[in-house]
């Protein structure tokens, strides 16, 4: 069982759920939690669906980076640390989709004969 290989994706989705909760988008929190639960359901299409969700999550982090950095720049406040942190979160979210593409994980999700 590739539980450790699923952990980065689950953590990235949990951080995204916290982001949505903090942003007041509470209706998206159950969607993120649903994708975490979906990780543990052994269906062939699950790795692809979660990968797509993680790529959309990375796009959301990038959108947040641009919006918050623009606000700080406009206000004349320092923004370099914000950009570094959110860029790291974006990259970590993208990299968390990589283990879902490995042969070990794909074979675990494949139906048994």
PDB file of N, CA and C in Angstrom:
ATOM      1  N   UNK A   1       0.838  -1.188   0.000  1.00  0.00           N
ATOM      2  CA  UNK A   1       0.000   0.000   0.000  1.00  0.00           C
ATOM      3  C   UNK A   1       0.881   1.249   0.000  1.00  0.00           C
ATOM      4  N   UNK A   2       0.643   2.130  -0.916  1.00  0.00           N
ATOM      5  CA  UNK A   2       1.496   3.326  -1.032  1.00  0.00           C
ATOM      6  C   UNK A   2       0.977   4.504  -0.197  1.00  0.00           C
ATOM      7  N   UNK A   3       0.713   4.263   1.083  1.00  0.00           N
ATOM      8  CA  UNK A   3       0.151   5.332   1.922  1.00  0.00           C
ATOM      9  C   UNK A   3       1.069   6.537   1.994  1.00  0.00           C
ATOM     10  N   UNK A   4       2.362   6.305   2.097  1.00  0.00           N
ATOM     11  CA  UNK A   4       3.299   7.426   2.201  1.00  0.00           C
ATOM     12  C   UNK A   4       3.357   8.243   0.918  1.00  0.00           C
ATOM     13  N   UNK A   5       3.092   7.606  -0.188  1.00  0.00           N
ATOM     14  CA  UNK A   5       3.092   8.325  -1.466  1.00  0.00           C
ATOM     15  C   UNK A   5       1.840   9.181  -1.633  1.00  0.00           C
ATOM     16  N   UNK A   6       0.792   8.869  -0.892  1.00  0.00           N
ATOM     17  CA  UNK A   6      -0.439   9.660  -0.945  1.00  0.00           C
ATOM     18  C   UNK A   6      -0.416  10.825   0.036  1.00  0.00           C
ATOM     19  N   UNK A   7       0.483  10.781   0.999  1.00  0.00           N
ATOM     20  CA  UNK A   7       0.541  11.796   2.046  1.00  0.00           C
ATOM     21  C   UNK A   7       0.778  13.214   1.519  1.00  0.00           C
ATOM     22  N   UNK A   8       1.707  13.449   0.582  1.00  0.00           N
ATOM     23  CA  UNK A   8       1.890  14.826   0.089  1.00  0.00           C
ATOM     24  C   UNK A   8       0.617  15.405  -0.532  1.00  0.00           C
ATOM     25  N   UNK A   9      -0.110  14.603  -1.280  1.00  0.00           N
ATOM     26  CA  UNK A   9      -1.352  15.089  -1.888  1.00  0.00           C
ATOM     27  C   UNK A   9      -2.389  15.409  -0.820  1.00  0.00           C
ATOM     28  N   UNK A  10      -2.495  14.547   0.180  1.00  0.00           N
ATOM     29  CA  UNK A  10      -3.454  14.788   1.261  1.00  0.00           C
ATOM     30  C   UNK A  10      -3.101  16.065   2.026  1.00  0.00           C
ATOM     31  N   UNK A  11      -1.825  16.269   2.306  1.00  0.00           N
ATOM     32  CA  UNK A  11      -1.400  17.480   3.008  1.00  0.00           C
ATOM     33  C   UNK A  11      -1.651  18.735   2.172  1.00  0.00           C
ATOM     34  N   UNK A  12      -1.371  18.666   0.879  1.00  0.00           N
ATOM     35  CA  UNK A  12      -1.608  19.819   0.006  1.00  0.00           C
ATOM     36  C   UNK A  12      -3.089  20.168  -0.039  1.00  0.00           C
ATOM     37  N   UNK A  13      -3.942  19.160  -0.075  1.00  0.00           N
ATOM     38  CA  UNK A  13      -5.381  19.417  -0.086  1.00  0.00           C
ATOM     39  C   UNK A  13      -5.869  19.955   1.259  1.00  0.00           C
ATOM     40  N   UNK A  14      -5.257  19.507   2.352  1.00  0.00           N
ATOM     41  CA  UNK A  14      -5.625  20.023   3.683  1.00  0.00           C
ATOM     42  C   UNK A  14      -5.225  21.488   3.820  1.00  0.00           C
ATOM     43  N   UNK A  15      -4.056  21.846   3.318  1.00  0.00           N
ATOM     44  CA  UNK A  15      -3.619  23.247   3.358  1.00  0.00           C
ATOM     45  C   UNK A  15      -4.534  24.106   2.488  1.00  0.00           C
ATOM     46  N   UNK A  16      -4.952  23.570   1.349  1.00  0.00           N
ATOM     47  CA  UNK A  16      -5.885  24.304   0.490  1.00  0.00           C
ATOM     48  C   UNK A  16      -7.228  24.499   1.190  1.00  0.00           C
ATOM     49  N   UNK A  17      -7.689  23.489   1.907  1.00  0.00           N
ATOM     50  CA  UNK A  17      -8.940  23.620   2.654  1.00  0.00           C
ATOM     51  C   UNK A  17      -8.820  24.726   3.699  1.00  0.00           C
ATOM     52  N   UNK A  18      -7.687  24.795   4.390  1.00  0.00           N
ATOM     53  CA  UNK A  18      -7.470  25.854   5.369  1.00  0.00           C
ATOM     54  C   UNK A  18      -7.438  27.227   4.695  1.00  0.00           C
ATOM     55  N   UNK A  19      -6.846  27.300   3.528  1.00  0.00           N
ATOM     56  CA  UNK A  19      -6.812  28.554   2.768  1.00  0.00           C
ATOM     57  C   UNK A  19      -8.232  29.006   2.412  1.00  0.00           C
ATOM     58  N   UNK A  20      -9.031  28.079   1.914  1.00  0.00           N
ATOM     59  CA  UNK A  20     -10.407  28.430   1.559  1.00  0.00           C
ATOM     60  C   UNK A  20     -11.208  28.843   2.790  1.00  0.00           C
ATOM     61  N   UNK A  21     -10.996  28.162   3.903  1.00  0.00           N
ATOM     62  CA  UNK A  21     -11.695  28.513   5.133  1.00  0.00           C
ATOM     63  C   UNK A  21     -11.313  29.919   5.580  1.00  0.00           C
ATOM     64  N   UNK A  22     -10.034  30.217   5.529  1.00  0.00           N
ATOM     65  CA  UNK A  22      -9.540  31.546   5.937  1.00  0.00           C
ATOM     66  C   UNK A  22     -10.049  32.629   4.997  1.00  0.00           C
ATOM     67  N   UNK A  23     -10.211  32.304   3.722  1.00  0.00           N
ATOM     68  CA  UNK A  23     -10.682  33.271   2.724  1.00  0.00           C
ATOM     69  C   UNK A  23     -12.203  33.435   2.751  1.00  0.00           C
ATOM     70  N   UNK A  24     -12.887  32.657   3.590  1.00  0.00           N
ATOM     71  CA  UNK A  24     -14.340  32.760   3.666  1.00  0.00           C
ATOM     72  C   UNK A  24     -15.075  31.934   2.625  1.00  0.00           C
ATOM     73  N   UNK A  25     -14.361  31.089   1.924  1.00  0.00           N
ATOM     74  CA  UNK A  25     -14.963  30.216   0.911  1.00  0.00           C
ATOM     75  C   UNK A  25     -15.237  28.851   1.536  1.00  0.00           C
ATOM     76  N   UNK A  26     -16.067  28.867   2.570  1.00  0.00           N
ATOM     77  CA  UNK A  26     -16.297  27.674   3.385  1.00  0.00           C
ATOM     78  C   UNK A  26     -16.920  26.538   2.573  1.00  0.00           C
ATOM     79  N   UNK A  27     -17.673  26.862   1.549  1.00  0.00           N
ATOM     80  CA  UNK A  27     -18.316  25.820   0.743  1.00  0.00           C
ATOM     81  C   UNK A  27     -17.301  24.981  -0.035  1.00  0.00           C
ATOM     82  N   UNK A  28     -16.063  25.471  -0.193  1.00  0.00           N
ATOM     83  CA  UNK A  28     -15.036  24.689  -0.891  1.00  0.00           C
ATOM     84  C   UNK A  28     -14.245  23.775   0.035  1.00  0.00           C
ATOM     85  N   UNK A  29     -14.372  23.972   1.339  1.00  0.00           N
ATOM     86  CA  UNK A  29     -13.660  23.121   2.302  1.00  0.00           C
ATOM     87  C   UNK A  29     -14.089  21.660   2.178  1.00  0.00           C
ATOM     88  N   UNK A  30     -15.399  21.352   2.139  1.00  0.00           N
ATOM     89  CA  UNK A  30     -15.793  19.941   1.974  1.00  0.00           C
ATOM     90  C   UNK A  30     -15.325  19.331   0.650  1.00  0.00           C
ATOM     91  N   UNK A  31     -15.164  20.153  -0.370  1.00  0.00           N
ATOM     92  CA  UNK A  31     -14.651  19.640  -1.650  1.00  0.00           C
ATOM     93  C   UNK A  31     -13.213  19.149  -1.465  1.00  0.00           C
ATOM     94  N   UNK A  32     -12.403  19.942  -0.784  1.00  0.00           N
ATOM     95  CA  UNK A  32     -11.015  19.542  -0.519  1.00  0.00           C
ATOM     96  C   UNK A  32     -10.968  18.287   0.343  1.00  0.00           C
ATOM     97  N   UNK A  33     -11.793  18.247   1.365  1.00  0.00           N
ATOM     98  CA  UNK A  33     -11.836  17.068   2.241  1.00  0.00           C
ATOM     99  C   UNK A  33     -12.328  15.851   1.455  1.00  0.00           C
ATOM    100  N   UNK A  34     -13.262  16.083   0.546  1.00  0.00           N
ATOM    101  CA  UNK A  34     -13.746  14.994  -0.306  1.00  0.00           C
ATOM    102  C   UNK A  34     -12.643  14.403  -1.167  1.00  0.00           C
ATOM    103  N   UNK A  35     -11.761  15.259  -1.682  1.00  0.00           N
ATOM    104  CA  UNK A  35     -10.635  14.749  -2.475  1.00  0.00           C
ATOM    105  C   UNK A  35      -9.659  13.969  -1.608  1.00  0.00           C
ATOM    106  N   UNK A  36      -9.491  14.385  -0.343  1.00  0.00           N
ATOM    107  CA  UNK A  36      -8.631  13.622   0.564  1.00  0.00           C
ATOM    108  C   UNK A  36      -9.220  12.233   0.790  1.00  0.00           C
ATOM    109  N   UNK A  37     -10.519  12.171   1.022  1.00  0.00           N
ATOM    110  CA  UNK A  37     -11.195  10.876   1.208  1.00  0.00           C
ATOM    111  C   UNK A  37     -11.096  10.042  -0.064  1.00  0.00           C
ATOM    112  N   UNK A  38     -11.231  10.708  -1.193  1.00  0.00           N
ATOM    113  CA  UNK A  38     -11.171  10.013  -2.480  1.00  0.00           C
ATOM    114  C   UNK A  38      -9.815   9.327  -2.691  1.00  0.00           C
ATOM    115  N   UNK A  39      -8.763   9.889  -2.117  1.00  0.00           N
ATOM    116  CA  UNK A  39      -7.439   9.271  -2.243  1.00  0.00           C
ATOM    117  C   UNK A  39      -7.417   7.830  -1.740  1.00  0.00           C
ATOM    118  N   UNK A  40      -8.274   7.516  -0.804  1.00  0.00           N
ATOM    119  CA  UNK A  40      -8.260   6.183  -0.188  1.00  0.00           C
ATOM    120  C   UNK A  40      -9.303   5.235  -0.767  1.00  0.00           C
ATOM    121  N   UNK A  41      -9.913   5.653  -1.873  1.00  0.00           N
ATOM    122  CA  UNK A  41     -10.859   4.794  -2.586  1.00  0.00           C
ATOM    123  C   UNK A  41     -10.139   4.268  -3.829  1.00  0.00           C
ATOM    124  N   UNK A  42     -10.055   2.973  -3.915  1.00  0.00           N
ATOM    125  CA  UNK A  42      -9.234   2.357  -4.961  1.00  0.00           C
ATOM    126  C   UNK A  42     -10.002   2.193  -6.263  1.00  0.00           C
ATOM    127  N   UNK A  43     -10.124   3.284  -6.995  1.00  0.00           N
ATOM    128  CA  UNK A  43     -10.715   3.277  -8.325  1.00  0.00           C
ATOM    129  C   UNK A  43      -9.681   3.814  -9.309  1.00  0.00           C
ATOM    130  N   UNK A  44      -9.727   3.322 -10.522  1.00  0.00           N
ATOM    131  CA  UNK A  44      -8.686   3.624 -11.505  1.00  0.00           C
ATOM    132  C   UNK A  44      -8.585   5.117 -11.838  1.00  0.00           C
ATOM    133  N   UNK A  45      -9.681   5.841 -11.807  1.00  0.00           N
ATOM    134  CA  UNK A  45      -9.686   7.251 -12.202  1.00  0.00           C
ATOM    135  C   UNK A  45      -9.296   8.204 -11.073  1.00  0.00           C
ATOM    136  N   UNK A  46      -9.159   7.731  -9.864  1.00  0.00           N
ATOM    137  CA  UNK A  46      -8.882   8.592  -8.714  1.00  0.00           C
ATOM    138  C   UNK A  46      -7.551   9.346  -8.843  1.00  0.00           C
ATOM    139  N   UNK A  47      -6.427   8.703  -9.203  1.00  0.00           N
ATOM    140  CA  UNK A  47      -5.175   9.473  -9.301  1.00  0.00           C
ATOM    141  C   UNK A  47      -5.269  10.628 -10.303  1.00  0.00           C
ATOM    142  N   UNK A  48      -5.959  10.387 -11.401  1.00  0.00           N
ATOM    143  CA  UNK A  48      -6.102  11.449 -12.404  1.00  0.00           C
ATOM    144  C   UNK A  48      -6.959  12.593 -11.860  1.00  0.00           C
ATOM    145  N   UNK A  49      -8.066  12.267 -11.220  1.00  0.00           N
ATOM    146  CA  UNK A  49      -8.949  13.303 -10.674  1.00  0.00           C
ATOM    147  C   UNK A  49      -8.244  14.132  -9.603  1.00  0.00           C
ATOM    148  N   UNK A  50      -7.508  13.474  -8.731  1.00  0.00           N
ATOM    149  CA  UNK A  50      -6.796  14.195  -7.674  1.00  0.00           C
ATOM    150  C   UNK A  50      -5.656  15.019  -8.272  1.00  0.00           C
ATOM    151  N   UNK A  51      -5.001  14.510  -9.298  1.00  0.00           N
ATOM    152  CA  UNK A  51      -3.948  15.284  -9.968  1.00  0.00           C
ATOM    153  C   UNK A  51      -4.511  16.564 -10.570  1.00  0.00           C
ATOM    154  N   UNK A  52      -5.649  16.459 -11.215  1.00  0.00           N
ATOM    155  CA  UNK A  52      -6.298  17.645 -11.781  1.00  0.00           C
ATOM    156  C   UNK A  52      -6.650  18.627 -10.664  1.00  0.00           C
ATOM    157  N   UNK A  53      -7.176  18.118  -9.562  1.00  0.00           N
ATOM    158  CA  UNK A  53      -7.509  18.986  -8.430  1.00  0.00           C
ATOM    159  C   UNK A  53      -6.255  19.678  -7.891  1.00  0.00           C
ATOM    160  N   UNK A  54      -5.137  18.973  -7.832  1.00  0.00           N
ATOM    161  CA  UNK A  54      -3.902  19.576  -7.338  1.00  0.00           C
ATOM    162  C   UNK A  54      -3.354  20.626  -8.303  1.00  0.00           C
ATOM    163  N   UNK A  55      -3.493  20.409  -9.588  1.00  0.00           N
ATOM    164  CA  UNK A  55      -3.065  21.427 -10.551  1.00  0.00           C
ATOM    165  C   UNK A  55      -3.948  22.677 -10.441  1.00  0.00           C
ATOM    166  N   UNK A  56      -5.245  22.474 -10.227  1.00  0.00           N
ATOM    167  CA  UNK A  56      -6.139  23.622  -9.997  1.00  0.00           C
ATOM    168  C   UNK A  56      -5.795  24.315  -8.680  1.00  0.00           C
ATOM    169  N   UNK A  57      -5.409  23.539  -7.676  1.00  0.00           N
ATOM    170  CA  UNK A  57      -4.996  24.116  -6.395  1.00  0.00           C
ATOM    171  C   UNK A  57      -3.749  24.975  -6.582  1.00  0.00           C
ATOM    172  N   UNK A  58      -2.799  24.503  -7.382  1.00  0.00           N
ATOM    173  CA  UNK A  58      -1.588  25.286  -7.648  1.00  0.00           C
ATOM    174  C   UNK A  58      -1.946  26.592  -8.363  1.00  0.00           C
ATOM    175  N   UNK A  59      -2.914  26.521  -9.270  1.00  0.00           N
ATOM    176  CA  UNK A  59      -3.366  27.741  -9.952  1.00  0.00           C
ATOM    177  C   UNK A  59      -3.989  28.717  -8.947  1.00  0.00           C
ATOM    178  N   UNK A  60      -4.731  28.196  -7.981  1.00  0.00           N
ATOM    179  CA  UNK A  60      -5.303  29.049  -6.940  1.00  0.00           C
ATOM    180  C   UNK A  60      -4.206  29.693  -6.092  1.00  0.00           C
ATOM    181  N   UNK A  61      -3.172  28.934  -5.755  1.00  0.00           N
ATOM    182  CA  UNK A  61      -2.066  29.513  -4.981  1.00  0.00           C
ATOM    183  C   UNK A  61      -1.357  30.588  -5.789  1.00  0.00           C
ATOM    184  N   UNK A  62      -1.199  30.363  -7.086  1.00  0.00           N
ATOM    185  CA  UNK A  62      -0.568  31.360  -7.941  1.00  0.00           C
ATOM    186  C   UNK A  62      -1.426  32.617  -8.039  1.00  0.00           C
ATOM    187  N   UNK A  63      -2.729  32.444  -8.151  1.00  0.00           N
ATOM    188  CA  UNK A  63      -3.652  33.584  -8.187  1.00  0.00           C
ATOM    189  C   UNK A  63      -3.574  34.375  -6.884  1.00  0.00           C
ATOM    190  N   UNK A  64      -3.517  33.645  -5.774  1.00  0.00           N
ATOM    191  CA  UNK A  64      -3.407  34.290  -4.468  1.00  0.00           C
ATOM    192  C   UNK A  64      -2.092  35.049  -4.354  1.00  0.00           C
ATOM    193  N   UNK A  65      -1.012  34.452  -4.841  1.00  0.00           N
ATOM    194  CA  UNK A  65       0.292  35.112  -4.816  1.00  0.00           C
ATOM    195  C   UNK A  65       0.238  36.438  -5.563  1.00  0.00           C
ATOM    196  N   UNK A  66      -0.299  36.418  -6.764  1.00  0.00           N
ATOM    197  CA  UNK A  66      -0.355  37.637  -7.580  1.00  0.00           C
ATOM    198  C   UNK A  66      -1.241  38.690  -6.908  1.00  0.00           C
ATOM    199  N   UNK A  67      -2.382  38.279  -6.384  1.00  0.00           N
ATOM    200  CA  UNK A  67      -3.307  39.236  -5.759  1.00  0.00           C
ATOM    201  C   UNK A  67      -2.694  39.866  -4.506  1.00  0.00           C
ATOM    202  N   UNK A  68      -2.146  39.038  -3.622  1.00  0.00           N
ATOM    203  CA  UNK A  68      -1.601  39.568  -2.370  1.00  0.00           C
ATOM    204  C   UNK A  68      -0.321  40.370  -2.591  1.00  0.00           C
ATOM    205  N   UNK A  69       0.528  39.905  -3.492  1.00  0.00           N
ATOM    206  CA  UNK A  69       1.750  40.660  -3.788  1.00  0.00           C
ATOM    207  C   UNK A  69       1.400  42.000  -4.424  1.00  0.00           C
ATOM    208  N   UNK A  70       0.410  42.025  -5.282  1.00  0.00           N
ATOM    209  CA  UNK A  70      -0.035  43.289  -5.884  1.00  0.00           C
ATOM    210  C   UNK A  70      -0.577  44.254  -4.840  1.00  0.00           C
ATOM    211  N   UNK A  71      -1.354  43.733  -3.896  1.00  0.00           N
ATOM    212  CA  UNK A  71      -1.875  44.575  -2.825  1.00  0.00           C
ATOM    213  C   UNK A  71      -0.750  45.163  -1.984  1.00  0.00           C
ATOM    214  N   UNK A  72       0.215  44.336  -1.640  1.00  0.00           N
ATOM    215  CA  UNK A  72       1.340  44.809  -0.812  1.00  0.00           C
ATOM    216  C   UNK A  72       2.214  45.796  -1.582  1.00  0.00           C
ATOM    217  N   UNK A  73       2.428  45.524  -2.838  1.00  0.00           N
ATOM    218  CA  UNK A  73       3.235  46.424  -3.656  1.00  0.00           C
ATOM    219  C   UNK A  73       2.558  47.787  -3.774  1.00  0.00           C
ATOM    220  N   UNK A  74       1.262  47.764  -3.995  1.00  0.00           N
ATOM    221  CA  UNK A  74       0.481  48.994  -4.111  1.00  0.00           C
ATOM    222  C   UNK A  74       0.486  49.791  -2.809  1.00  0.00           C
ATOM    223  N   UNK A  75       0.486  49.091  -1.690  1.00  0.00           N
ATOM    224  CA  UNK A  75       0.481  49.749  -0.384  1.00  0.00           C
ATOM    225  C   UNK A  75       1.885  50.152   0.066  1.00  0.00           C
ATOM    226  N   UNK A  76       2.903  49.784  -0.700  1.00  0.00           N
ATOM    227  CA  UNK A  76       4.265  50.126  -0.340  1.00  0.00           C
ATOM    228  C   UNK A  76       4.827  49.269   0.787  1.00  0.00           C
ATOM    229  N   UNK A  77       4.235  48.105   1.008  1.00  0.00           N
ATOM    230  CA  UNK A  77       4.702  47.197   2.056  1.00  0.00           C
ATOM    231  C   UNK A  77       5.660  46.170   1.466  1.00  0.00           C
ATOM    232  N   UNK A  78       6.508  45.574   2.310  1.00  0.00           N
ATOM    233  CA  UNK A  78       7.408  44.529   1.800  1.00  0.00           C
ATOM    234  C   UNK A  78       6.614  43.310   1.323  1.00  0.00           C
ATOM    235  N   UNK A  79       7.070  42.721   0.251  1.00  0.00           N
ATOM    236  CA  UNK A  79       6.315  41.615  -0.339  1.00  0.00           C
ATOM    237  C   UNK A  79       7.189  40.398  -0.675  1.00  0.00           C
ATOM    238  N   UNK A  80       8.490  40.503  -0.519  1.00  0.00           N
ATOM    239  CA  UNK A  80       9.388  39.426  -0.943  1.00  0.00           C
ATOM    240  C   UNK A  80       9.140  38.137  -0.165  1.00  0.00           C
ATOM    241  N   UNK A  81       8.929  38.226   1.129  1.00  0.00           N
ATOM    242  CA  UNK A  81       8.693  37.021   1.940  1.00  0.00           C
ATOM    243  C   UNK A  81       7.384  36.358   1.547  1.00  0.00           C
ATOM    244  N   UNK A  82       6.354  37.166   1.297  1.00  0.00           N
ATOM    245  CA  UNK A  82       5.062  36.634   0.858  1.00  0.00           C
ATOM    246  C   UNK A  82       5.213  35.872  -0.458  1.00  0.00           C
ATOM    247  N   UNK A  83       5.952  36.468  -1.381  1.00  0.00           N
ATOM    248  CA  UNK A  83       6.161  35.823  -2.689  1.00  0.00           C
ATOM    249  C   UNK A  83       6.932  34.514  -2.515  1.00  0.00           C
ATOM    250  N   UNK A  84       7.953  34.519  -1.673  1.00  0.00           N
ATOM    251  CA  UNK A  84       8.746  33.301  -1.460  1.00  0.00           C
ATOM    252  C   UNK A  84       7.902  32.186  -0.853  1.00  0.00           C
ATOM    253  N   UNK A  85       7.097  32.527   0.143  1.00  0.00           N
ATOM    254  CA  UNK A  85       6.276  31.514   0.808  1.00  0.00           C
ATOM    255  C   UNK A  85       5.222  30.963  -0.143  1.00  0.00           C
ATOM    256  N   UNK A  86       4.496  31.839  -0.813  1.00  0.00           N
ATOM    257  CA  UNK A  86       3.430  31.354  -1.696  1.00  0.00           C
ATOM    258  C   UNK A  86       3.986  30.651  -2.937  1.00  0.00           C
ATOM    259  N   UNK A  87       5.156  31.060  -3.400  1.00  0.00           N
ATOM    260  CA  UNK A  87       5.792  30.332  -4.506  1.00  0.00           C
ATOM    261  C   UNK A  87       6.167  28.923  -4.043  1.00  0.00           C
ATOM    262  N   UNK A  88       6.668  28.819  -2.814  1.00  0.00           N
ATOM    263  CA  UNK A  88       6.995  27.500  -2.258  1.00  0.00           C
ATOM    264  C   UNK A  88       5.774  26.621  -2.107  1.00  0.00           C
ATOM    265  N   UNK A  89       4.672  27.202  -1.664  1.00  0.00           N
ATOM    266  CA  UNK A  89       3.427  26.438  -1.519  1.00  0.00           C
ATOM    267  C   UNK A  89       2.925  25.989  -2.893  1.00  0.00           C
ATOM    268  N   UNK A  90       3.028  26.863  -3.878  1.00  0.00           N
ATOM    269  CA  UNK A  90       2.600  26.513  -5.238  1.00  0.00           C
ATOM    270  C   UNK A  90       3.436  25.353  -5.784  1.00  0.00           C
ATOM    271  N   UNK A  91       4.743  25.435  -5.620  1.00  0.00           N
ATOM    272  CA  UNK A  91       5.628  24.371  -6.108  1.00  0.00           C
ATOM    273  C   UNK A  91       5.388  23.068  -5.346  1.00  0.00           C
ATOM    274  N   UNK A  92       5.206  23.162  -4.036  1.00  0.00           N
ATOM    275  CA  UNK A  92       4.940  21.959  -3.237  1.00  0.00           C
ATOM    276  C   UNK A  92       3.628  21.305  -3.656  1.00  0.00           C
ATOM    277  N   UNK A  93       2.633  22.123  -3.969  1.00  0.00           N
ATOM    278  CA  UNK A  93       1.349  21.576  -4.420  1.00  0.00           C
ATOM    279  C   UNK A  93       1.513  20.866  -5.761  1.00  0.00           C
ATOM    280  N   UNK A  94       2.258  21.471  -6.667  1.00  0.00           N
ATOM    281  CA  UNK A  94       2.505  20.817  -7.959  1.00  0.00           C
ATOM    282  C   UNK A  94       3.278  19.511  -7.782  1.00  0.00           C
ATOM    283  N   UNK A  95       4.298  19.534  -6.926  1.00  0.00           N
ATOM    284  CA  UNK A  95       5.102  18.328  -6.711  1.00  0.00           C
ATOM    285  C   UNK A  95       4.326  17.229  -5.995  1.00  0.00           C
ATOM    286  N   UNK A  96       3.305  17.589  -5.242  1.00  0.00           N
ATOM    287  CA  UNK A  96       2.521  16.570  -4.534  1.00  0.00           C
ATOM    288  C   UNK A  96       1.697  15.714  -5.490  1.00  0.00           C
ATOM    289  N   UNK A  97       1.512  16.189  -6.717  1.00  0.00           N
ATOM    290  CA  UNK A  97       0.794  15.389  -7.712  1.00  0.00           C
ATOM    291  C   UNK A  97       1.704  14.341  -8.362  1.00  0.00           C
ATOM    292  N   UNK A  98       3.002  14.539  -8.266  1.00  0.00           N
ATOM    293  CA  UNK A  98       3.939  13.639  -8.936  1.00  0.00           C
ATOM    294  C   UNK A  98       3.847  12.192  -8.459  1.00  0.00           C
ATOM    295  N   UNK A  99       3.792  11.902  -7.141  1.00  0.00           N
ATOM    296  CA  UNK A  99       3.694  10.494  -6.728  1.00  0.00           C
ATOM    297  C   UNK A  99       2.440   9.789  -7.250  1.00  0.00           C
ATOM    298  N   UNK A 100       1.401  10.541  -7.567  1.00  0.00           N
ATOM    299  CA  UNK A 100       0.180   9.920  -8.091  1.00  0.00           C
ATOM    300  C   UNK A 100       0.379   9.374  -9.499  1.00  0.00           C
ATOM    301  N   UNK A 101       1.447   9.795 -10.150  1.00  0.00           N
ATOM    302  CA  UNK A 101       1.749   9.345 -11.510  1.00  0.00           C
ATOM    303  C   UNK A 101       2.693   8.153 -11.549  1.00  0.00           C
ATOM    304  N   UNK A 102       3.182   7.713 -10.403  1.00  0.00           N
ATOM    305  CA  UNK A 102       4.142   6.608 -10.394  1.00  0.00           C
ATOM    306  C   UNK A 102       3.448   5.273 -10.657  1.00  0.00           C
ATOM    307  N   UNK A 103       4.234   4.314 -11.092  1.00  0.00           N
ATOM    308  CA  UNK A 103       3.705   2.982 -11.404  1.00  0.00           C
ATOM    309  C   UNK A 103       3.151   2.296 -10.155  1.00  0.00           C
ATOM    310  N   UNK A 104       3.816   2.482  -9.041  1.00  0.00           N
ATOM    311  CA  UNK A 104       3.368   1.842  -7.795  1.00  0.00           C
ATOM    312  C   UNK A 104       1.960   2.308  -7.425  1.00  0.00           C
ATOM    313  N   UNK A 105       1.742   3.607  -7.468  1.00  0.00           N
ATOM    314  CA  UNK A 105       0.431   4.144  -7.111  1.00  0.00           C
ATOM    315  C   UNK A 105      -0.620   3.751  -8.146  1.00  0.00           C
ATOM    316  N   UNK A 106      -0.253   3.866  -9.416  1.00  0.00           N
ATOM    317  CA  UNK A 106      -1.217   3.504 -10.485  1.00  0.00           C
ATOM    318  C   UNK A 106      -1.627   2.038 -10.364  1.00  0.00           C
ATOM    319  N   UNK A 107      -0.664   1.157 -10.073  1.00  0.00           N
ATOM    320  CA  UNK A 107      -1.016  -0.266  -9.958  1.00  0.00           C
ATOM    321  C   UNK A 107      -1.868  -0.516  -8.714  1.00  0.00           C
ATOM    322  N   UNK A 108      -1.671   0.266  -7.661  1.00  0.00           N
ATOM    323  CA  UNK A 108      -2.490   0.114  -6.453  1.00  0.00           C
ATOM    324  C   UNK A 108      -3.935   0.501  -6.727  1.00  0.00           C
ATOM    325  N   UNK A 109      -4.139   1.476  -7.591  1.00  0.00           N
ATOM    326  CA  UNK A 109      -5.500   1.922  -7.935  1.00  0.00           C
ATOM    327  C   UNK A 109      -6.151   1.064  -9.025  1.00  0.00           C
ATOM    328  N   UNK A 110      -5.373   0.266  -9.720  1.00  0.00           N
ATOM    329  CA  UNK A 110      -5.938  -0.570 -10.780  1.00  0.00           C
ATOM    330  C   UNK A 110      -6.805  -1.658 -10.183  1.00  0.00           C
ATOM    331  N   UNK A 111      -7.896  -1.978 -10.837  1.00  0.00           N
ATOM    332  CA  UNK A 111      -8.758  -3.053 -10.317  1.00  0.00           C
ATOM    333  C   UNK A 111      -8.032  -4.386 -10.347  1.00  0.00           C
ATOM    334  N   UNK A 112      -8.273  -5.177  -9.317  1.00  0.00           N
ATOM    335  CA  UNK A 112      -7.659  -6.502  -9.248  1.00  0.00           C
ATOM    336  C   UNK A 112      -8.413  -7.497 -10.115  1.00  0.00           C
ATOM    337  N   UNK A 113      -7.648  -8.403 -10.675  1.00  0.00           N
ATOM    338  CA  UNK A 113      -8.269  -9.432 -11.535  1.00  0.00           C
ATOM    339  C   UNK A 113      -8.701 -10.625 -10.731  1.00  0.00           C
TER     340      UNK A 113
END
